[in-house]
PDB file of all heavy atoms in Angstrom:
ATOM      1  N   GLY A   1      96.289 -36.894 107.340  1.00  0.00           N
ATOM      2  CA  GLY A   1      96.657 -36.386 106.024  1.00  0.00           C
ATOM      3  C   GLY A   1      97.629 -35.241 106.047  1.00  0.00           C
ATOM      4  O   GLY A   1      97.796 -34.538 105.051  1.00  0.00           O
ATOM      5  N   PHE A   2      98.310 -35.030 107.160  1.00  0.00           N
ATOM      6  CA  PHE A   2      99.236 -33.902 107.278  1.00  0.00           C
ATOM      7  C   PHE A   2     100.661 -34.350 107.017  1.00  0.00           C
ATOM      8  O   PHE A   2     101.117 -35.369 107.541  1.00  0.00           O
ATOM      9  CB  PHE A   2      99.137 -33.292 108.675  1.00  0.00           C
ATOM     10  CG  PHE A   2     100.119 -32.183 108.926  1.00  0.00           C
ATOM     11  CD1 PHE A   2     100.014 -30.978 108.257  1.00  0.00           C
ATOM     12  CD2 PHE A   2     101.155 -32.353 109.832  1.00  0.00           C
ATOM     13  CE1 PHE A   2     100.916 -29.942 108.486  1.00  0.00           C
ATOM     14  CE2 PHE A   2     102.059 -31.326 110.076  1.00  0.00           C
ATOM     15  CZ  PHE A   2     101.934 -30.125 109.394  1.00  0.00           C
ATOM     16  N   THR A   3     101.388 -33.607 106.212  1.00  0.00           N
ATOM     17  CA  THR A   3     102.809 -33.842 105.985  1.00  0.00           C
ATOM     18  C   THR A   3     103.546 -32.514 106.086  1.00  0.00           C
ATOM     19  O   THR A   3     102.947 -31.452 105.900  1.00  0.00           O
ATOM     20  CB  THR A   3     103.094 -34.446 104.597  1.00  0.00           C
ATOM     21  OG1 THR A   3     102.737 -33.505 103.599  1.00  0.00           O
ATOM     22  CG2 THR A   3     102.305 -35.728 104.402  1.00  0.00           C
ATOM     23  N   PHE A   4     104.830 -32.574 106.402  1.00  0.00           N
ATOM     24  CA  PHE A   4     105.625 -31.354 106.367  1.00  0.00           C
ATOM     25  C   PHE A   4     107.024 -31.651 105.858  1.00  0.00           C
ATOM     26  O   PHE A   4     107.513 -32.779 105.970  1.00  0.00           O
ATOM     27  CB  PHE A   4     105.676 -30.664 107.742  1.00  0.00           C
ATOM     28  CG  PHE A   4     106.566 -31.346 108.746  1.00  0.00           C
ATOM     29  CD1 PHE A   4     107.894 -30.972 108.881  1.00  0.00           C
ATOM     30  CD2 PHE A   4     106.080 -32.340 109.581  1.00  0.00           C
ATOM     31  CE1 PHE A   4     108.721 -31.583 109.819  1.00  0.00           C
ATOM     32  CE2 PHE A   4     106.899 -32.970 110.506  1.00  0.00           C
ATOM     33  CZ  PHE A   4     108.210 -32.590 110.631  1.00  0.00           C
ATOM     34  N   GLU A   5     107.635 -30.643 105.281  1.00  0.00           N
ATOM     35  CA  GLU A   5     109.022 -30.696 104.858  1.00  0.00           C
ATOM     36  C   GLU A   5     109.786 -29.613 105.613  1.00  0.00           C
ATOM     37  O   GLU A   5     109.252 -28.529 105.845  1.00  0.00           O
ATOM     38  CB  GLU A   5     109.152 -30.461 103.349  1.00  0.00           C
ATOM     39  CG  GLU A   5     108.479 -31.512 102.501  1.00  0.00           C
ATOM     40  CD  GLU A   5     108.608 -31.218 101.016  1.00  0.00           C
ATOM     41  OE1 GLU A   5     109.447 -30.368 100.640  1.00  0.00           O
ATOM     42  OE2 GLU A   5     107.867 -31.826 100.243  1.00  0.00           O
ATOM     43  N   TYR A   6     111.014 -29.924 105.958  1.00  0.00           N
ATOM     44  CA  TYR A   6     111.816 -28.984 106.754  1.00  0.00           C
ATOM     45  C   TYR A   6     113.136 -28.679 106.049  1.00  0.00           C
ATOM     46  O   TYR A   6     113.813 -29.591 105.555  1.00  0.00           O
ATOM     47  CB  TYR A   6     112.115 -29.561 108.137  1.00  0.00           C
ATOM     48  CG  TYR A   6     113.207 -28.812 108.877  1.00  0.00           C
ATOM     49  CD1 TYR A   6     113.027 -27.489 109.262  1.00  0.00           C
ATOM     50  CD2 TYR A   6     114.435 -29.415 109.140  1.00  0.00           C
ATOM     51  CE1 TYR A   6     114.038 -26.795 109.902  1.00  0.00           C
ATOM     52  CE2 TYR A   6     115.445 -28.726 109.795  1.00  0.00           C
ATOM     53  CZ  TYR A   6     115.239 -27.407 110.166  1.00  0.00           C
ATOM     54  OH  TYR A   6     116.244 -26.722 110.783  1.00  0.00           O
ATOM     55  N   TYR A   7     113.495 -27.404 106.025  1.00  0.00           N
ATOM     56  CA  TYR A   7     114.754 -26.953 105.457  1.00  0.00           C
ATOM     57  C   TYR A   7     115.376 -25.892 106.364  1.00  0.00           C
ATOM     58  O   TYR A   7     114.682 -25.094 106.974  1.00  0.00           O
ATOM     59  CB  TYR A   7     114.564 -26.321 104.071  1.00  0.00           C
ATOM     60  CG  TYR A   7     113.996 -27.252 103.040  1.00  0.00           C
ATOM     61  CD1 TYR A   7     112.624 -27.415 102.911  1.00  0.00           C
ATOM     62  CD2 TYR A   7     114.831 -27.979 102.187  1.00  0.00           C
ATOM     63  CE1 TYR A   7     112.090 -28.277 101.966  1.00  0.00           C
ATOM     64  CE2 TYR A   7     114.308 -28.840 101.240  1.00  0.00           C
ATOM     65  CZ  TYR A   7     112.936 -28.987 101.128  1.00  0.00           C
ATOM     66  OH  TYR A   7     112.420 -29.838 100.195  1.00  0.00           O
ATOM     67  N   SER A   8     116.708 -25.869 106.396  1.00  0.00           N
ATOM     68  CA  SER A   8     117.434 -24.752 106.994  1.00  0.00           C
ATOM     69  C   SER A   8     118.209 -24.055 105.885  1.00  0.00           C
ATOM     70  O   SER A   8     118.858 -24.707 105.063  1.00  0.00           O
ATOM     71  CB  SER A   8     118.407 -25.234 108.068  1.00  0.00           C
ATOM     72  OG  SER A   8     119.329 -24.203 108.391  1.00  0.00           O
ATOM     73  N   LEU A   9     118.139 -22.725 105.870  1.00  0.00           N
ATOM     74  CA  LEU A   9     118.860 -21.950 104.861  1.00  0.00           C
ATOM     75  C   LEU A   9     120.333 -21.748 105.208  1.00  0.00           C
ATOM     76  O   LEU A   9     121.104 -21.250 104.390  1.00  0.00           O
ATOM     77  CB  LEU A   9     118.204 -20.577 104.683  1.00  0.00           C
ATOM     78  CG  LEU A   9     116.741 -20.576 104.215  1.00  0.00           C
ATOM     79  CD1 LEU A   9     116.238 -19.142 104.096  1.00  0.00           C
ATOM     80  CD2 LEU A   9     116.571 -21.314 102.904  1.00  0.00           C
ATOM     81  N   GLY A  10     120.718 -22.085 106.435  1.00  0.00           N
ATOM     82  CA  GLY A  10     122.102 -21.875 106.839  1.00  0.00           C
ATOM     83  C   GLY A  10     122.513 -20.416 106.807  1.00  0.00           C
ATOM     84  O   GLY A  10     123.686 -20.089 106.674  1.00  0.00           O
ATOM     85  N   ASN A  11     121.508 -19.524 106.938  1.00  0.00           N
ATOM     86  CA  ASN A  11     121.724 -18.077 106.891  1.00  0.00           C
ATOM     87  C   ASN A  11     122.280 -17.607 105.541  1.00  0.00           C
ATOM     88  O   ASN A  11     122.949 -16.569 105.463  1.00  0.00           O
ATOM     89  CB  ASN A  11     122.632 -17.597 108.033  1.00  0.00           C
ATOM     90  CG  ASN A  11     121.819 -17.091 109.209  1.00  0.00           C
ATOM     91  OD1 ASN A  11     120.677 -16.676 109.054  1.00  0.00           O
ATOM     92  ND2 ASN A  11     122.407 -17.126 110.393  1.00  0.00           N
ATOM     93  N   TYR A  12     121.972 -18.334 104.472  1.00  0.00           N
ATOM     94  CA  TYR A  12     122.327 -17.922 103.115  1.00  0.00           C
ATOM     95  C   TYR A  12     121.056 -17.530 102.365  1.00  0.00           C
ATOM     96  O   TYR A  12     120.162 -18.355 102.158  1.00  0.00           O
ATOM     97  CB  TYR A  12     123.012 -19.056 102.355  1.00  0.00           C
ATOM     98  CG  TYR A  12     124.430 -19.344 102.777  1.00  0.00           C
ATOM     99  CD1 TYR A  12     124.722 -20.410 103.622  1.00  0.00           C
ATOM    100  CD2 TYR A  12     125.492 -18.567 102.313  1.00  0.00           C
ATOM    101  CE1 TYR A  12     126.024 -20.696 104.002  1.00  0.00           C
ATOM    102  CE2 TYR A  12     126.797 -18.840 102.685  1.00  0.00           C
ATOM    103  CZ  TYR A  12     127.060 -19.910 103.532  1.00  0.00           C
ATOM    104  OH  TYR A  12     128.353 -20.190 103.916  1.00  0.00           O
ATOM    105  N   THR A  13     120.973 -16.282 101.921  1.00  0.00           N
ATOM    106  CA  THR A  13     119.807 -15.883 101.133  1.00  0.00           C
ATOM    107  C   THR A  13     119.778 -16.608  99.794  1.00  0.00           C
ATOM    108  O   THR A  13     118.704 -16.872  99.240  1.00  0.00           O
ATOM    109  CB  THR A  13     119.803 -14.368 100.895  1.00  0.00           C
ATOM    110  OG1 THR A  13     121.039 -13.984 100.272  1.00  0.00           O
ATOM    111  CG2 THR A  13     119.667 -13.608 102.214  1.00  0.00           C
ATOM    112  N   GLY A  14     120.946 -16.945  99.273  1.00  0.00           N
ATOM    113  CA  GLY A  14     120.994 -17.682  98.017  1.00  0.00           C
ATOM    114  C   GLY A  14     120.331 -19.041  98.110  1.00  0.00           C
ATOM    115  O   GLY A  14     119.778 -19.540  97.121  1.00  0.00           O
ATOM    116  N   ALA A  15     120.374 -19.658  99.292  1.00  0.00           N
ATOM    117  CA  ALA A  15     119.714 -20.952  99.472  1.00  0.00           C
ATOM    118  C   ALA A  15     118.208 -20.826  99.307  1.00  0.00           C
ATOM    119  O   ALA A  15     117.549 -21.746  98.807  1.00  0.00           O
ATOM    120  CB  ALA A  15     120.053 -21.518 100.854  1.00  0.00           C
ATOM    121  N   ALA A  16     117.651 -19.671  99.708  1.00  0.00           N
ATOM    122  CA  ALA A  16     116.216 -19.451  99.524  1.00  0.00           C
ATOM    123  C   ALA A  16     115.864 -19.395  98.040  1.00  0.00           C
ATOM    124  O   ALA A  16     114.845 -19.956  97.606  1.00  0.00           O
ATOM    125  CB  ALA A  16     115.797 -18.157 100.214  1.00  0.00           C
ATOM    126  N   LYS A  17     116.691 -18.743  97.246  1.00  0.00           N
ATOM    127  CA  LYS A  17     116.438 -18.653  95.801  1.00  0.00           C
ATOM    128  C   LYS A  17     116.537 -20.018  95.144  1.00  0.00           C
ATOM    129  O   LYS A  17     115.728 -20.367  94.272  1.00  0.00           O
ATOM    130  CB  LYS A  17     117.425 -17.669  95.173  1.00  0.00           C
ATOM    131  CG  LYS A  17     117.251 -16.239  95.666  1.00  0.00           C
ATOM    132  CD  LYS A  17     118.311 -15.304  95.092  1.00  0.00           C
ATOM    133  CE  LYS A  17     118.130 -13.884  95.641  1.00  0.00           C
ATOM    134  NZ  LYS A  17     119.200 -12.966  95.144  1.00  0.00           N
ATOM    135  N   ASN A  18     117.522 -20.820  95.552  1.00  0.00           N
ATOM    136  CA  ASN A  18     117.648 -22.174  95.006  1.00  0.00           C
ATOM    137  C   ASN A  18     116.471 -23.045  95.399  1.00  0.00           C
ATOM    138  O   ASN A  18     115.945 -23.810  94.584  1.00  0.00           O
ATOM    139  CB  ASN A  18     118.948 -22.810  95.486  1.00  0.00           C
ATOM    140  CG  ASN A  18     120.166 -22.228  94.810  1.00  0.00           C
ATOM    141  OD1 ASN A  18     120.060 -21.636  93.739  1.00  0.00           O
ATOM    142  ND2 ASN A  18     121.320 -22.385  95.428  1.00  0.00           N
ATOM    143  N   LEU A  19     116.064 -22.920  96.668  1.00  0.00           N
ATOM    144  CA  LEU A  19     114.922 -23.691  97.147  1.00  0.00           C
ATOM    145  C   LEU A  19     113.666 -23.321  96.375  1.00  0.00           C
ATOM    146  O   LEU A  19     112.856 -24.182  96.016  1.00  0.00           O
ATOM    147  CB  LEU A  19     114.733 -23.443  98.647  1.00  0.00           C
ATOM    148  CG  LEU A  19     113.584 -24.180  99.343  1.00  0.00           C
ATOM    149  CD1 LEU A  19     113.734 -25.677  99.193  1.00  0.00           C
ATOM    150  CD2 LEU A  19     113.523 -23.785 100.821  1.00  0.00           C
ATOM    151  N   TRP A  20     113.499 -22.042  96.099  1.00  0.00           N
ATOM    152  CA  TRP A  20     112.339 -21.575  95.338  1.00  0.00           C
ATOM    153  C   TRP A  20     112.331 -22.181  93.932  1.00  0.00           C
ATOM    154  O   TRP A  20     111.315 -22.714  93.482  1.00  0.00           O
ATOM    155  CB  TRP A  20     112.364 -20.051  95.257  1.00  0.00           C
ATOM    156  CG  TRP A  20     111.273 -19.468  94.418  1.00  0.00           C
ATOM    157  CD1 TRP A  20     111.376 -19.041  93.119  1.00  0.00           C
ATOM    158  CD2 TRP A  20     109.921 -19.249  94.799  1.00  0.00           C
ATOM    159  NE1 TRP A  20     110.165 -18.569  92.670  1.00  0.00           N
ATOM    160  CE2 TRP A  20     109.255 -18.685  93.685  1.00  0.00           C
ATOM    161  CE3 TRP A  20     109.212 -19.468  95.978  1.00  0.00           C
ATOM    162  CZ2 TRP A  20     107.912 -18.344  93.715  1.00  0.00           C
ATOM    163  CZ3 TRP A  20     107.872 -19.125  96.020  1.00  0.00           C
ATOM    164  CH2 TRP A  20     107.232 -18.581  94.895  1.00  0.00           C
ATOM    165  N   GLN A  21     113.469 -22.117  93.266  1.00  0.00           N
ATOM    166  CA  GLN A  21     113.542 -22.598  91.890  1.00  0.00           C
ATOM    167  C   GLN A  21     113.426 -24.114  91.780  1.00  0.00           C
ATOM    168  O   GLN A  21     112.741 -24.632  90.889  1.00  0.00           O
ATOM    169  CB  GLN A  21     114.867 -22.144  91.249  1.00  0.00           C
ATOM    170  CG  GLN A  21     114.958 -20.662  90.996  1.00  0.00           C
ATOM    171  CD  GLN A  21     113.955 -20.176  89.955  1.00  0.00           C
ATOM    172  OE1 GLN A  21     113.559 -20.913  89.057  1.00  0.00           O
ATOM    173  NE2 GLN A  21     113.530 -18.923  90.091  1.00  0.00           N
ATOM    174  N   HIS A  22     114.080 -24.826  92.679  1.00  0.00           N
ATOM    175  CA  HIS A  22     114.207 -26.271  92.532  1.00  0.00           C
ATOM    176  C   HIS A  22     113.146 -27.077  93.283  1.00  0.00           C
ATOM    177  O   HIS A  22     112.987 -28.268  93.014  1.00  0.00           O
ATOM    178  CB  HIS A  22     115.591 -26.724  92.988  1.00  0.00           C
ATOM    179  CG  HIS A  22     116.696 -26.174  92.144  1.00  0.00           C
ATOM    180  ND1 HIS A  22     116.933 -26.581  90.849  1.00  0.00           N
ATOM    181  CD2 HIS A  22     117.613 -25.209  92.406  1.00  0.00           C
ATOM    182  CE1 HIS A  22     117.958 -25.926  90.349  1.00  0.00           C
ATOM    183  NE2 HIS A  22     118.395 -25.084  91.266  1.00  0.00           N
ATOM    184  N   ARG A  23     112.424 -26.419  94.198  1.00  0.00           N
ATOM    185  CA  ARG A  23     111.454 -27.184  94.981  1.00  0.00           C
ATOM    186  C   ARG A  23     110.090 -26.508  95.056  1.00  0.00           C
ATOM    187  O   ARG A  23     109.076 -27.077  94.671  1.00  0.00           O
ATOM    188  CB  ARG A  23     112.002 -27.425  96.400  1.00  0.00           C
ATOM    189  CG  ARG A  23     111.120 -28.335  97.251  1.00  0.00           C
ATOM    190  CD  ARG A  23     111.125 -29.751  96.720  1.00  0.00           C
ATOM    191  NE  ARG A  23     110.196 -30.606  97.449  1.00  0.00           N
ATOM    192  CZ  ARG A  23     109.867 -31.830  97.069  1.00  0.00           C
ATOM    193  NH1 ARG A  23     110.416 -32.350  95.990  1.00  0.00           N
ATOM    194  NH2 ARG A  23     109.016 -32.557  97.767  1.00  0.00           N
ATOM    195  N   ILE A  24     110.056 -25.286  95.561  1.00  0.00           N
ATOM    196  CA  ILE A  24     108.768 -24.669  95.888  1.00  0.00           C
ATOM    197  C   ILE A  24     107.919 -24.449  94.642  1.00  0.00           C
ATOM    198  O   ILE A  24     106.709 -24.662  94.654  1.00  0.00           O
ATOM    199  CB  ILE A  24     108.986 -23.342  96.647  1.00  0.00           C
ATOM    200  CG1 ILE A  24     109.718 -23.605  97.967  1.00  0.00           C
ATOM    201  CG2 ILE A  24     107.657 -22.642  96.912  1.00  0.00           C
ATOM    202  CD1 ILE A  24     110.089 -22.352  98.741  1.00  0.00           C
ATOM    203  N   LYS A  25     108.537 -24.039  93.547  1.00  0.00           N
ATOM    204  CA  LYS A  25     107.783 -23.789  92.316  1.00  0.00           C
ATOM    205  C   LYS A  25     107.233 -25.085  91.706  1.00  0.00           C
ATOM    206  O   LYS A  25     106.324 -25.047  90.875  1.00  0.00           O
ATOM    207  CB  LYS A  25     108.668 -23.069  91.292  1.00  0.00           C
ATOM    208  CG  LYS A  25     108.971 -21.631  91.654  1.00  0.00           C
ATOM    209  CD  LYS A  25     109.933 -20.989  90.676  1.00  0.00           C
ATOM    210  CE  LYS A  25     109.295 -20.808  89.311  1.00  0.00           C
ATOM    211  NZ  LYS A  25     110.205 -20.052  88.391  1.00  0.00           N
ATOM    212  N   LYS A  26     107.766 -26.228  92.144  1.00  0.00           N
ATOM    213  CA  LYS A  26     107.356 -27.515  91.576  1.00  0.00           C
ATOM    214  C   LYS A  26     106.375 -28.274  92.454  1.00  0.00           C
ATOM    215  O   LYS A  26     105.812 -29.285  92.025  1.00  0.00           O
ATOM    216  CB  LYS A  26     108.600 -28.387  91.345  1.00  0.00           C
ATOM    217  CG  LYS A  26     109.599 -27.789  90.371  1.00  0.00           C
ATOM    218  CD  LYS A  26     110.831 -28.672  90.240  1.00  0.00           C
ATOM    219  CE  LYS A  26     111.852 -28.063  89.278  1.00  0.00           C
ATOM    220  NZ  LYS A  26     113.049 -28.917  89.146  1.00  0.00           N
ATOM    221  N   VAL A  27     106.188 -27.824  93.692  1.00  0.00           N
ATOM    222  CA  VAL A  27     105.351 -28.550  94.651  1.00  0.00           C
ATOM    223  C   VAL A  27     104.275 -27.609  95.190  1.00  0.00           C
ATOM    224  O   VAL A  27     104.545 -26.445  95.469  1.00  0.00           O
ATOM    225  CB  VAL A  27     106.201 -29.092  95.822  1.00  0.00           C
ATOM    226  CG1 VAL A  27     105.318 -29.802  96.840  1.00  0.00           C
ATOM    227  CG2 VAL A  27     107.278 -30.033  95.304  1.00  0.00           C
ATOM    228  N   LYS A  28     103.068 -28.116  95.347  1.00  0.00           N
ATOM    229  CA  LYS A  28     101.979 -27.312  95.906  1.00  0.00           C
ATOM    230  C   LYS A  28     101.979 -27.450  97.424  1.00  0.00           C
ATOM    231  O   LYS A  28     101.711 -28.520  97.960  1.00  0.00           O
ATOM    232  CB  LYS A  28     100.629 -27.775  95.332  1.00  0.00           C
ATOM    233  CG  LYS A  28      99.422 -27.156  96.010  1.00  0.00           C
ATOM    234  CD  LYS A  28      99.386 -25.634  95.888  1.00  0.00           C
ATOM    235  CE  LYS A  28      98.136 -25.069  96.556  1.00  0.00           C
ATOM    236  NZ  LYS A  28      98.145 -23.589  96.563  1.00  0.00           N
ATOM    237  N   TYR A  29     102.289 -26.353  98.115  1.00  0.00           N
ATOM    238  CA  TYR A  29     102.232 -26.331  99.570  1.00  0.00           C
ATOM    239  C   TYR A  29     101.000 -25.548 100.013  1.00  0.00           C
ATOM    240  O   TYR A  29     100.695 -24.485  99.462  1.00  0.00           O
ATOM    241  CB  TYR A  29     103.491 -25.677 100.151  1.00  0.00           C
ATOM    242  CG  TYR A  29     104.750 -26.442  99.859  1.00  0.00           C
ATOM    243  CD1 TYR A  29     105.636 -26.010  98.870  1.00  0.00           C
ATOM    244  CD2 TYR A  29     105.060 -27.605 100.551  1.00  0.00           C
ATOM    245  CE1 TYR A  29     106.790 -26.716  98.583  1.00  0.00           C
ATOM    246  CE2 TYR A  29     106.212 -28.321 100.277  1.00  0.00           C
ATOM    247  CZ  TYR A  29     107.080 -27.867  99.286  1.00  0.00           C
ATOM    248  OH  TYR A  29     108.217 -28.585  99.008  1.00  0.00           O
ATOM    249  N   ASP A  30     100.325 -26.062 101.029  1.00  0.00           N
ATOM    250  CA  ASP A  30      99.133 -25.371 101.529  1.00  0.00           C
ATOM    251  C   ASP A  30      99.509 -24.174 102.390  1.00  0.00           C
ATOM    252  O   ASP A  30      98.728 -23.226 102.524  1.00  0.00           O
ATOM    253  CB  ASP A  30      98.267 -26.352 102.330  1.00  0.00           C
ATOM    254  CG  ASP A  30      97.753 -27.480 101.455  1.00  0.00           C
ATOM    255  OD1 ASP A  30      96.871 -27.219 100.627  1.00  0.00           O
ATOM    256  OD2 ASP A  30      98.258 -28.613 101.587  1.00  0.00           O
ATOM    257  N   ALA A  31     100.690 -24.210 102.996  1.00  0.00           N
ATOM    258  CA  ALA A  31     101.193 -23.091 103.793  1.00  0.00           C
ATOM    259  C   ALA A  31     102.707 -23.202 103.872  1.00  0.00           C
ATOM    260  O   ALA A  31     103.267 -24.305 103.805  1.00  0.00           O
ATOM    261  CB  ALA A  31     100.587 -23.090 105.198  1.00  0.00           C
ATOM    262  N   ILE A  32     103.369 -22.060 104.011  1.00  0.00           N
ATOM    263  CA  ILE A  32     104.822 -22.022 104.176  1.00  0.00           C
ATOM    264  C   ILE A  32     105.129 -21.272 105.469  1.00  0.00           C
ATOM    265  O   ILE A  32     104.687 -20.133 105.654  1.00  0.00           O
ATOM    266  CB  ILE A  32     105.500 -21.343 102.981  1.00  0.00           C
ATOM    267  CG1 ILE A  32     105.185 -22.110 101.689  1.00  0.00           C
ATOM    268  CG2 ILE A  32     107.017 -21.263 103.201  1.00  0.00           C
ATOM    269  CD1 ILE A  32     105.722 -21.449 100.425  1.00  0.00           C
ATOM    270  N   PHE A  33     105.874 -21.931 106.344  1.00  0.00           N
ATOM    271  CA  PHE A  33     106.247 -21.350 107.640  1.00  0.00           C
ATOM    272  C   PHE A  33     107.691 -20.875 107.568  1.00  0.00           C
ATOM    273  O   PHE A  33     108.603 -21.669 107.337  1.00  0.00           O
ATOM    274  CB  PHE A  33     106.077 -22.391 108.749  1.00  0.00           C
ATOM    275  CG  PHE A  33     106.518 -21.918 110.106  1.00  0.00           C
ATOM    276  CD1 PHE A  33     105.860 -20.881 110.749  1.00  0.00           C
ATOM    277  CD2 PHE A  33     107.589 -22.516 110.764  1.00  0.00           C
ATOM    278  CE1 PHE A  33     106.254 -20.445 112.007  1.00  0.00           C
ATOM    279  CE2 PHE A  33     107.988 -22.101 112.015  1.00  0.00           C
ATOM    280  CZ  PHE A  33     107.318 -21.055 112.635  1.00  0.00           C
ATOM    281  N   LEU A  34     107.895 -19.574 107.752  1.00  0.00           N
ATOM    282  CA  LEU A  34     109.218 -18.965 107.705  1.00  0.00           C
ATOM    283  C   LEU A  34     109.663 -18.627 109.122  1.00  0.00           C
ATOM    284  O   LEU A  34     109.028 -17.827 109.800  1.00  0.00           O
ATOM    285  CB  LEU A  34     109.192 -17.697 106.853  1.00  0.00           C
ATOM    286  CG  LEU A  34     108.765 -17.883 105.394  1.00  0.00           C
ATOM    287  CD1 LEU A  34     108.680 -16.532 104.696  1.00  0.00           C
ATOM    288  CD2 LEU A  34     109.726 -18.804 104.653  1.00  0.00           C
ATOM    289  N   ASN A  35     110.777 -19.193 109.542  1.00  0.00           N
ATOM    290  CA  ASN A  35     111.208 -19.108 110.927  1.00  0.00           C
ATOM    291  C   ASN A  35     112.512 -18.325 111.015  1.00  0.00           C
ATOM    292  O   ASN A  35     113.597 -18.889 110.924  1.00  0.00           O
ATOM    293  CB  ASN A  35     111.388 -20.531 111.478  1.00  0.00           C
ATOM    294  CG  ASN A  35     111.363 -20.589 112.991  1.00  0.00           C
ATOM    295  OD1 ASN A  35     110.992 -19.635 113.661  1.00  0.00           O
ATOM    296  ND2 ASN A  35     111.744 -21.734 113.534  1.00  0.00           N
ATOM    297  N   GLY A  36     112.402 -16.981 111.132  1.00  0.00           N
ATOM    298  CA  GLY A  36     113.595 -16.158 111.257  1.00  0.00           C
ATOM    299  C   GLY A  36     113.599 -14.977 110.303  1.00  0.00           C
ATOM    300  O   GLY A  36     112.983 -15.005 109.228  1.00  0.00           O
ATOM    301  N   THR A  37     114.312 -13.924 110.696  1.00  0.00           N
ATOM    302  CA  THR A  37     114.347 -12.693 109.919  1.00  0.00           C
ATOM    303  C   THR A  37     114.923 -12.896 108.533  1.00  0.00           C
ATOM    304  O   THR A  37     114.375 -12.409 107.532  1.00  0.00           O
ATOM    305  CB  THR A  37     115.160 -11.623 110.677  1.00  0.00           C
ATOM    306  OG1 THR A  37     114.475 -11.285 111.889  1.00  0.00           O
ATOM    307  CG2 THR A  37     115.330 -10.357 109.835  1.00  0.00           C
ATOM    308  N   LEU A  38     116.048 -13.607 108.432  1.00  0.00           N
ATOM    309  CA  LEU A  38     116.676 -13.788 107.130  1.00  0.00           C
ATOM    310  C   LEU A  38     115.751 -14.538 106.182  1.00  0.00           C
ATOM    311  O   LEU A  38     115.639 -14.187 104.997  1.00  0.00           O
ATOM    312  CB  LEU A  38     118.008 -14.519 107.282  1.00  0.00           C
ATOM    313  CG  LEU A  38     118.809 -14.706 105.995  1.00  0.00           C
ATOM    314  CD1 LEU A  38     120.300 -14.466 106.234  1.00  0.00           C
ATOM    315  CD2 LEU A  38     118.597 -16.107 105.420  1.00  0.00           C
ATOM    316  N   ALA A  39     115.070 -15.566 106.678  1.00  0.00           N
ATOM    317  CA  ALA A  39     114.148 -16.337 105.835  1.00  0.00           C
ATOM    318  C   ALA A  39     113.012 -15.456 105.322  1.00  0.00           C
ATOM    319  O   ALA A  39     112.638 -15.510 104.146  1.00  0.00           O
ATOM    320  CB  ALA A  39     113.589 -17.531 106.613  1.00  0.00           C
ATOM    321  N   VAL A  40     112.458 -14.629 106.199  1.00  0.00           N
ATOM    322  CA  VAL A  40     111.352 -13.753 105.796  1.00  0.00           C
ATOM    323  C   VAL A  40     111.825 -12.720 104.777  1.00  0.00           C
ATOM    324  O   VAL A  40     111.162 -12.479 103.757  1.00  0.00           O
ATOM    325  CB  VAL A  40     110.732 -13.069 107.030  1.00  0.00           C
ATOM    326  CG1 VAL A  40     109.714 -12.010 106.601  1.00  0.00           C
ATOM    327  CG2 VAL A  40     110.055 -14.107 107.921  1.00  0.00           C
ATOM    328  N   ALA A  41     112.966 -12.107 105.027  1.00  0.00           N
ATOM    329  CA  ALA A  41     113.486 -11.109 104.094  1.00  0.00           C
ATOM    330  C   ALA A  41     113.754 -11.726 102.724  1.00  0.00           C
ATOM    331  O   ALA A  41     113.463 -11.129 101.684  1.00  0.00           O
ATOM    332  CB  ALA A  41     114.761 -10.482 104.653  1.00  0.00           C
ATOM    333  N   ALA A  42     114.297 -12.939 102.707  1.00  0.00           N
ATOM    334  CA  ALA A  42     114.619 -13.596 101.444  1.00  0.00           C
ATOM    335  C   ALA A  42     113.366 -13.912 100.643  1.00  0.00           C
ATOM    336  O   ALA A  42     113.310 -13.668  99.430  1.00  0.00           O
ATOM    337  CB  ALA A  42     115.414 -14.875 101.703  1.00  0.00           C
ATOM    338  N   PHE A  43     112.348 -14.423 101.309  1.00  0.00           N
ATOM    339  CA  PHE A  43     111.143 -14.804 100.580  1.00  0.00           C
ATOM    340  C   PHE A  43     110.226 -13.620 100.296  1.00  0.00           C
ATOM    341  O   PHE A  43     109.406 -13.688  99.380  1.00  0.00           O
ATOM    342  CB  PHE A  43     110.417 -15.930 101.307  1.00  0.00           C
ATOM    343  CG  PHE A  43     111.043 -17.268 101.050  1.00  0.00           C
ATOM    344  CD1 PHE A  43     111.976 -17.791 101.934  1.00  0.00           C
ATOM    345  CD2 PHE A  43     110.745 -17.969  99.902  1.00  0.00           C
ATOM    346  CE1 PHE A  43     112.587 -19.005 101.677  1.00  0.00           C
ATOM    347  CE2 PHE A  43     111.347 -19.191  99.633  1.00  0.00           C
ATOM    348  CZ  PHE A  43     112.283 -19.711 100.519  1.00  0.00           C
ATOM    349  N   LYS A  44     110.373 -12.541 101.042  1.00  0.00           N
ATOM    350  CA  LYS A  44     109.662 -11.316 100.651  1.00  0.00           C
ATOM    351  C   LYS A  44     110.165 -10.838  99.292  1.00  0.00           C
ATOM    352  O   LYS A  44     109.381 -10.419  98.434  1.00  0.00           O
ATOM    353  CB  LYS A  44     109.852 -10.216 101.692  1.00  0.00           C
ATOM    354  CG  LYS A  44     109.160  -8.899 101.320  1.00  0.00           C
ATOM    355  CD  LYS A  44     109.364  -7.848 102.397  1.00  0.00           C
ATOM    356  CE  LYS A  44     108.600  -6.569 102.059  1.00  0.00           C
ATOM    357  NZ  LYS A  44     109.262  -5.796 100.986  1.00  0.00           N
TER     358      LYS A  44
END
């Protein structure tokens, strides 16, 4: 029953905001794995 989705931000903080608006707010994720400083800073 495990699934995962993978995205790369391409080192653009704006991509994190778009991903939040267009995907994350619409889908229930049990956990979000942030891989890298820029990703963590953007989602903080």
